[in-house]
Protein backbone atom coordinates (compact mmCIF):
# COMPACT_ATOMS: atom_id res chain seq x y z
CA MET A 1 190.32 109.09 82.20
CA PRO A 2 186.69 109.96 81.47
CA ASN A 3 184.54 110.73 84.49
CA GLY A 4 181.11 111.65 83.08
CA GLY A 5 177.97 109.55 83.05
CA ASP A 6 179.10 107.93 79.82
CA GLN A 7 182.60 107.06 81.08
CA ASN A 8 182.17 103.31 80.61
CA TRP A 9 180.90 103.81 77.05
CA ILE A 10 184.02 105.87 76.28
CA ARG A 11 186.26 103.22 77.84
CA LEU A 12 184.49 100.46 75.92
CA CYS A 13 185.00 102.31 72.64
CA ALA A 14 188.67 102.94 73.47
CA ALA A 15 189.26 99.24 74.14
CA ILE A 16 187.51 98.22 70.91
CA ASP A 17 189.32 100.88 68.87
CA GLY A 18 192.67 99.84 70.33
CA PHE A 19 191.97 96.21 69.48
CA TRP A 20 191.04 97.07 65.90
CA LEU A 21 194.12 99.24 65.40
CA ARG A 22 196.38 96.46 66.69
CA TYR A 23 194.81 93.49 64.88
CA LYS A 24 192.79 95.03 62.01
CA ARG A 25 189.68 93.13 63.07
CA TRP A 26 186.93 93.62 65.63
CA PRO A 27 187.01 91.86 69.00
CA THR A 28 184.49 89.19 69.89
CA ARG A 29 184.57 89.59 73.68
CA ILE A 30 184.95 92.27 76.33
CA ARG A 31 186.29 91.32 79.74
CA ILE A 32 184.87 93.96 82.01
CA ASN A 33 184.58 94.77 85.68
CA PRO A 34 181.08 93.70 86.83
CA VAL A 35 180.32 97.20 88.17
CA SER A 36 181.14 98.76 84.78
CA LEU A 37 179.07 96.13 83.01
CA GLU A 38 176.09 96.82 85.24
CA ASP A 39 176.48 100.55 84.59
CA LEU A 40 176.41 100.00 80.81
CA ARG A 41 173.48 97.62 81.09
CA THR A 42 171.28 99.65 83.43
CA HIS A 43 172.32 103.30 83.21
CA VAL A 44 174.13 104.03 79.94
CA PHE A 45 171.85 102.15 77.54
CA ARG A 46 168.23 101.16 77.38
CA PRO A 47 167.79 97.35 77.50
CA ASP A 48 167.03 97.08 73.76
CA ILE A 49 170.15 99.05 72.84
CA PHE A 50 172.34 97.00 75.16
CA ALA A 51 170.89 93.81 73.65
CA SER A 52 171.86 95.03 70.17
CA ILE A 53 175.45 95.59 71.37
CA GLU A 54 175.49 92.11 72.88
CA ARG A 55 174.73 90.69 69.43
CA ARG A 56 178.20 91.87 68.37
CA LEU A 57 180.16 91.36 71.59
CA HIS A 58 180.11 88.86 74.41
CA PHE A 59 180.58 90.57 77.78
CA SER A 60 182.55 88.53 80.27
CA PRO A 61 182.46 89.88 83.85
CA ASP A 62 185.92 89.82 85.40
CA ASP A 63 186.76 91.42 88.78
CA LYS A 64 190.38 91.91 87.71
CA ALA A 65 189.70 93.48 84.31
CA GLY A 66 189.24 97.15 83.64
CA MET A 67 188.07 96.94 80.03
CA ILE A 68 189.76 94.38 77.78
CA ALA A 69 188.72 93.85 74.16
CA GLU A 70 189.81 90.43 72.92
CA ASP A 71 189.28 87.41 70.76
CA GLU A 72 190.86 83.96 70.82
CA THR A 73 194.23 85.27 69.59
CA GLY A 74 194.80 88.74 71.04
CA ALA A 75 193.73 91.52 73.38
CA TYR A 76 193.81 95.26 73.99
CA ASP A 77 193.70 96.21 77.68
CA TYR A 78 192.33 99.73 78.05
CA GLY A 79 193.04 99.62 81.81
CA ASN A 80 196.78 99.18 81.24
CA GLU A 81 197.22 100.72 77.78
CA GLY A 82 194.82 103.66 77.90
CA PHE A 83 193.42 105.40 74.85
CA PRO A 84 194.90 104.37 71.52
CA ASN A 85 196.90 107.07 69.71
CA GLU A 86 194.41 107.23 66.84
CA ARG A 87 190.90 106.15 65.95
CA PRO A 88 190.04 103.68 63.24
CA ASN A 89 187.58 104.46 60.49
CA PRO A 90 184.97 103.29 61.16
CA ASP A 91 185.46 103.57 64.89
CA ALA A 92 183.87 101.41 67.59
CA ALA A 93 180.81 103.62 67.97
CA ARG A 94 180.00 103.32 64.27
CA TRP A 95 180.73 99.58 64.27
CA LEU A 96 178.24 99.17 67.11
CA GLY A 97 175.67 101.22 65.20
CA ASN A 98 176.13 104.56 67.01
CA PRO A 99 173.84 103.46 69.83
CA PRO A 100 172.06 106.32 71.56
CA LEU A 101 173.07 106.93 75.13
CA ASN A 102 170.48 107.06 77.86
CA PRO A 103 169.23 110.66 77.92
CA GLY A 104 169.28 110.55 81.72
CA LEU A 105 173.10 110.80 81.60
CA TYR A 106 173.00 114.50 80.82
């Protein structure tokens, strides 16, 4: 499990990558613990960068979810399934436009 300042970004990418590998399409929604969502929104990304990510994904706060990438027909639960065994090409970071992380993380 990642533990650095960008841990929630890494988890988000793992959930999205796992979803794509399973279904061969990108998710439309992320169910996410509210604390992790707030971390992404206020610490990991600048507001404009987070807004650009939200144009691709709907974030749904869920106290019982770790990080679940889903759409109306399927899901990949990073909290229960962990990192996928491989990475798609393009991977989640590239699909989201390789958003820059907040320089204050390092």
